[in-house]
Amino acid sequence: MDLEIMKSYLPLYRDALLLTLKIGWQGVLLAFLTGLLCAVVLHLRVPLLRGIVQIYIELFRNTPLLVQLFFLYFALPKIGLRLSPGLCGSLGLGLIGGAYMTETIRSGLESIPVIQSESAASLGMNPLQAFRYVILPQAAASSVPGLIANVIFLLKETSVFSTISLMDLMFTAKDLIGMYARTTECLTLLVIFYLIMLLPVSFLGSLVERRMRYAEFGD
């Protein structure tokens, strides 16, 4: 392993990391907002919207992200809708992530006992106030571990972005290996940069989970 060669590759990996983080977190934000909206729809049991959400969940949970990216990047232009690689990456990640986030948030909402809503109503809260101030905060606390796991899963899924010509970490590693055949150095840097991207999320998620449990139970 040549450390000098690895040092010379660092700027390329740094730029790839920044691009991966940018598109990855855009996708995570879209996934969270989509998941929250869909989970609320399922929780409120609106018949027509509930059916649409269930179809969406089954469609995106049962198809690989790679297939979804191919559809967005290669198939949509055939009908006149051309998206940039970055937008395809964010949108694909957000759609598949939204399906997983929906189930996580919905489970959190359904874990709250009915007596909580009844108690809120007895205090004079309307259903919207009860949901906003009583149900949702408790559901968020119980959903944190699943949400963090989903975020880590989605950030790891960015490794397939290279298939739509995005110069992410995986694209950079494969490109350098193809040009210079420095497989060990390139893959070592790839692992290091993925750890740089994912370990802070894992540590922060554990910290948030402990804080929320402390706030809820006081121990």
Protein backbone atom coordinates (compact mmCIF):
# COMPACT_ATOMS: atom_id res chain seq x y z
CA MET A 1 0.00 0.00 0.00
CA ASP A 2 1.48 3.33 -1.11
CA LEU A 3 0.57 6.13 1.31
CA GLU A 4 1.83 8.83 -1.02
CA ILE A 5 -0.53 7.70 -3.75
CA MET A 6 -3.39 7.61 -1.28
CA LYS A 7 -2.52 11.16 -0.23
CA SER A 8 -2.63 12.31 -3.84
CA TYR A 9 -6.13 10.83 -4.21
CA LEU A 10 -7.53 12.61 -1.15
CA PRO A 11 -8.82 15.73 -2.98
CA LEU A 12 -10.79 13.54 -5.39
CA TYR A 13 -12.36 11.57 -2.55
CA ARG A 14 -13.09 14.78 -0.63
CA ASP A 15 -15.01 16.23 -3.58
CA ALA A 16 -16.83 12.93 -4.06
CA LEU A 17 -17.74 12.87 -0.36
CA LEU A 18 -19.21 16.37 -0.52
CA LEU A 19 -21.31 15.45 -3.56
CA THR A 20 -22.45 12.22 -1.92
CA LEU A 21 -23.41 14.05 1.27
CA LYS A 22 -25.27 16.76 -0.61
CA ILE A 23 -27.41 14.42 -2.69
CA GLY A 24 -27.71 11.86 0.10
CA TRP A 25 -29.05 14.32 2.67
CA GLN A 26 -31.41 15.86 0.14
CA GLY A 27 -32.81 12.37 -0.36
CA VAL A 28 -33.00 11.75 3.40
CA LEU A 29 -34.91 15.00 3.95
CA LEU A 30 -37.35 14.14 1.16
CA ALA A 31 -37.72 10.63 2.59
CA PHE A 32 -38.52 11.94 6.07
CA LEU A 33 -41.10 14.46 4.85
CA THR A 34 -42.70 11.84 2.60
CA GLY A 35 -42.71 9.27 5.38
CA LEU A 36 -44.23 11.68 7.89
CA LEU A 37 -47.01 12.71 5.50
CA CYS A 38 -47.81 9.13 4.51
CA ALA A 39 -47.73 7.91 8.12
CA VAL A 40 -50.21 10.60 9.16
CA VAL A 41 -52.49 9.59 6.28
CA LEU A 42 -52.37 5.95 7.40
CA HIS A 43 -52.91 6.93 11.02
CA LEU A 44 -55.98 9.03 10.18
CA ARG A 45 -57.36 6.19 8.02
CA VAL A 46 -58.54 8.35 5.09
CA PRO A 47 -59.91 5.63 2.72
CA LEU A 48 -58.79 6.85 -0.74
CA LEU A 49 -55.48 8.36 0.39
CA ARG A 50 -54.75 5.31 2.53
CA GLY A 51 -55.03 3.07 -0.53
CA ILE A 52 -52.72 5.29 -2.57
CA VAL A 53 -50.13 5.34 0.23
CA GLN A 54 -50.24 1.56 0.61
CA ILE A 55 -49.66 1.10 -3.13
CA TYR A 56 -46.73 3.53 -2.95
CA ILE A 57 -45.18 1.68 0.00
CA GLU A 58 -45.47 -1.74 -1.63
CA LEU A 59 -44.12 -0.46 -4.95
CA PHE A 60 -41.02 1.21 -3.58
CA ARG A 61 -40.20 -1.24 -0.81
CA ASN A 62 -40.25 -4.15 -3.24
CA THR A 63 -38.12 -2.69 -6.02
CA PRO A 64 -34.38 -2.00 -5.75
CA LEU A 65 -33.10 1.57 -5.73
CA LEU A 66 -30.93 0.72 -8.74
CA VAL A 67 -34.01 -0.13 -10.82
CA GLN A 68 -35.75 3.05 -9.68
CA LEU A 69 -32.73 5.17 -10.64
CA PHE A 70 -32.57 3.52 -14.06
CA PHE A 71 -36.25 4.29 -14.58
CA LEU A 72 -35.83 7.96 -13.56
CA TYR A 73 -32.63 8.52 -15.53
CA PHE A 74 -33.12 6.39 -18.65
CA ALA A 75 -36.87 5.78 -19.04
CA LEU A 76 -38.37 9.19 -18.25
CA PRO A 77 -36.44 10.96 -21.07
CA LYS A 78 -38.25 8.64 -23.50
CA ILE A 79 -41.49 10.44 -22.61
CA GLY A 80 -39.88 13.89 -22.66
CA LEU A 81 -39.05 14.26 -18.96
CA ARG A 82 -35.30 14.63 -18.53
CA LEU A 83 -33.88 14.93 -15.01
CA SER A 84 -30.31 15.74 -14.01
CA PRO A 85 -28.30 12.94 -12.39
CA GLY A 86 -28.31 14.79 -9.07
CA LEU A 87 -32.07 15.20 -9.09
CA CYS A 88 -32.54 11.57 -10.05
CA GLY A 89 -30.35 10.52 -7.14
CA SER A 90 -32.16 12.70 -4.58
CA LEU A 91 -35.60 11.77 -5.89
CA GLY A 92 -34.88 8.04 -6.08
CA LEU A 93 -33.41 7.99 -2.59
CA GLY A 94 -36.28 10.07 -1.22
CA LEU A 95 -38.96 7.85 -2.73
CA ILE A 96 -37.55 4.54 -1.55
CA GLY A 97 -36.62 6.07 1.81
CA GLY A 98 -40.10 7.53 2.21
CA ALA A 99 -41.62 4.06 2.00
CA TYR A 100 -39.40 2.81 4.83
CA MET A 101 -39.81 5.98 6.89
CA THR A 102 -43.59 5.66 6.60
CA GLU A 103 -43.59 2.26 8.27
CA THR A 104 -41.24 3.43 11.01
CA ILE A 105 -43.25 6.54 11.87
CA ARG A 106 -46.56 4.69 11.56
CA SER A 107 -45.35 2.09 14.06
CA GLY A 108 -44.43 4.90 16.44
CA LEU A 109 -47.86 6.49 16.09
CA GLU A 110 -49.67 3.20 16.65
CA SER A 111 -47.60 2.47 19.76
CA ILE A 112 -49.23 5.37 21.62
CA PRO A 113 -52.15 4.14 23.80
CA VAL A 114 -55.62 5.46 22.96
CA ILE A 115 -55.90 6.81 26.50
CA GLN A 116 -53.39 9.51 25.54
CA SER A 117 -55.84 10.93 22.99
CA GLU A 118 -58.68 10.59 25.44
CA SER A 119 -56.73 12.41 28.12
CA ALA A 120 -55.89 15.22 25.69
CA ALA A 121 -59.56 15.52 24.77
CA SER A 122 -60.54 15.71 28.44
CA LEU A 123 -58.18 18.68 28.78
CA GLY A 124 -60.06 20.49 26.04
CA MET A 125 -57.73 19.78 23.12
CA ASN A 126 -59.20 19.24 19.68
CA PRO A 127 -57.96 16.24 17.63
CA LEU A 128 -55.36 18.32 15.79
CA GLN A 129 -53.94 19.77 19.01
CA ALA A 130 -53.90 16.33 20.63
CA PHE A 131 -52.02 14.89 17.67
CA ARG A 132 -49.53 17.75 17.51
CA TYR A 133 -48.76 18.19 21.21
CA VAL A 134 -49.40 14.74 22.70
CA ILE A 135 -49.29 11.94 20.13
CA LEU A 136 -46.60 13.11 17.70
CA PRO A 137 -43.88 13.96 20.30
CA GLN A 138 -44.25 10.54 21.95
CA ALA A 139 -44.29 8.78 18.60
CA ALA A 140 -41.14 10.66 17.56
CA ALA A 141 -39.32 9.46 20.67
CA SER A 142 -40.19 5.82 20.03
CA SER A 143 -39.37 6.13 16.31
CA VAL A 144 -35.85 7.53 16.72
CA PRO A 145 -33.95 4.19 16.57
CA GLY A 146 -35.79 3.15 13.41
CA LEU A 147 -35.36 6.55 11.78
CA ILE A 148 -31.62 6.57 12.46
CA ALA A 149 -31.32 3.06 11.01
CA ASN A 150 -33.19 4.25 7.92
CA VAL A 151 -30.91 7.28 7.53
CA ILE A 152 -27.81 5.07 7.68
CA PHE A 153 -29.39 2.64 5.22
CA LEU A 154 -30.17 5.45 2.78
CA LEU A 155 -26.71 6.99 3.00
CA LYS A 156 -25.18 3.59 2.25
CA GLU A 157 -27.52 3.21 -0.71
CA THR A 158 -25.81 6.23 -2.31
CA SER A 159 -23.20 3.73 -3.48
CA VAL A 160 -25.38 2.97 -6.52
CA PHE A 161 -25.39 6.60 -7.70
CA SER A 162 -22.36 5.86 -9.84
CA THR A 163 -24.61 3.96 -12.25
CA ILE A 164 -26.23 7.23 -13.38
CA SER A 165 -22.91 9.03 -13.89
CA LEU A 166 -22.77 10.80 -10.54
CA MET A 167 -19.17 11.25 -9.40
CA ASP A 168 -19.83 9.95 -5.89
CA LEU A 169 -17.46 7.96 -3.70
CA MET A 170 -18.06 4.67 -5.49
CA PHE A 171 -17.70 6.27 -8.94
CA THR A 172 -14.41 7.87 -7.90
CA ALA A 173 -13.01 4.62 -6.52
CA LYS A 174 -13.97 2.61 -9.62
CA ASP A 175 -12.63 5.33 -11.93
CA LEU A 176 -9.24 5.45 -10.20
CA ILE A 177 -8.98 1.66 -10.11
CA GLY A 178 -9.73 1.53 -13.82
CA MET A 179 -7.10 4.15 -14.67
CA TYR A 180 -4.27 3.25 -12.33
CA ALA A 181 -5.04 -0.28 -11.05
CA ARG A 182 -4.38 0.81 -7.46
CA THR A 183 -7.12 -1.40 -6.06
CA THR A 184 -5.90 -1.64 -2.45
CA GLU A 185 -5.30 2.09 -2.04
CA CYS A 186 -8.59 3.07 -3.70
CA LEU A 187 -10.74 0.63 -1.76
CA THR A 188 -9.06 1.53 1.53
CA LEU A 189 -9.86 5.20 0.94
CA LEU A 190 -13.40 4.23 -0.04
CA VAL A 191 -13.93 2.46 3.27
CA ILE A 192 -12.39 5.34 5.22
CA PHE A 193 -14.59 7.96 3.57
CA TYR A 194 -17.75 5.92 4.04
CA LEU A 195 -16.87 5.66 7.72
CA ILE A 196 -16.33 9.42 7.82
CA MET A 197 -19.81 9.85 6.37
CA LEU A 198 -21.68 7.28 8.45
CA LEU A 199 -20.06 7.10 11.90
CA PRO A 200 -21.09 10.64 12.96
CA VAL A 201 -24.71 9.81 12.04
CA SER A 202 -24.57 6.64 14.13
CA PHE A 203 -23.03 8.41 17.15
CA LEU A 204 -25.42 11.36 16.90
CA GLY A 205 -28.38 9.01 16.59
CA SER A 206 -27.35 7.15 19.74
CA LEU A 207 -26.94 10.44 21.59
CA VAL A 208 -30.37 11.72 20.50
CA GLU A 209 -31.98 8.42 21.45
CA ARG A 210 -30.47 8.53 24.96
CA ARG A 211 -31.50 12.16 25.43
CA MET A 212 -35.07 11.50 24.37
CA ARG A 213 -35.34 8.47 26.62
CA TYR A 214 -33.96 10.49 29.52
CA ALA A 215 -36.48 13.26 28.85
CA GLU A 216 -39.30 10.73 28.70
CA PHE A 217 -38.40 8.45 31.63
CA GLY A 218 -35.96 10.56 33.63
CA ASP A 219 -33.28 7.86 33.93
